[in-house]
Amino acid sequence: MIRLITLDLDDTLWDAGPVLARAEEVQYAWISTHAPRIATHYSVQDLQAYRRAMAQADPTLRHDFTALRQAALARLLEEHGYDPHLAQEGVNTFVQARSEVTLFPEVDEVLRQLAKAYRLVGLTNGNTDLVRAGVAHYFEFSLAPADTGTSKPDPRMFEAALQRAGVPAEAAVHVGDEPYYDIEGAHRATVAAVWVNRTGRAWPVEHRPPHEEINNLRLLPDAVARIQQARRQ
């Protein structure tokens, strides 16, 4: 019996691209105001490259994007003669803007319906604040790399959710938009997977296929029911 549904957030519940772009602009505006010497030397793209290099040099930061962002900003503040403690404020502006999302049209209705029959858990590689995003009330809890020390497709991310929920893998379904991070990750954790393919992408043949494919979340309850029926046969 399926009892738990874990859901990816970015590009599954909302369009993440515009949100992330705006959040980067908001943080850069903060930097331009509070640490203009950094803005003189670094563009948004330069700061992204700086964080990537920092993550490569320090594996402990590779999975926690908030910690990485804060560590990078603190170092830059110090290097340019500012108080590194200001980094917390700067990163908060990013997280707040990153959490101001517009849900896909069907999301509220579907999550409300699913929550009546299943336990729902968020499982994300990002750092959205679900309260600010307006969906926290649907989820029993949510896990991000900052919580688990790893990220999808590492099966330990999924296993952490299963362990906290007290649910075996065979009683869970994961839902997400990324063939590698979501679907392959679920396979590695022996969890059934539903691919949300909103744009009609071809399935990448190098990855194991999902148990179900849908193009919007309205189709998810029926997809979960089919997975449940297949397991009874």
Foldseek 3Di string as FASTA:
>chain_A
DAAEEEEEPDPFFFPQPVLQVVLLVQLLVVCCVQPVVLVVPDDSVRLVVQLVVVCVVPVLCVQPVLVSQLVSQLVVCVVRPHHSVCSVVSSVSSQLSSQCGDTDPCNVVLLVVVLVRHAYEYAYSDRHDVVSNPHVVSHPYYDYCVRQVDAFLALSSVVVVCVVVVHQQDNYEYEEADQGRTAQSSVVNVHAYEHQDQPPDDRDVVGDDGQYYHPHSVCVVVSVVVSVVVVVD
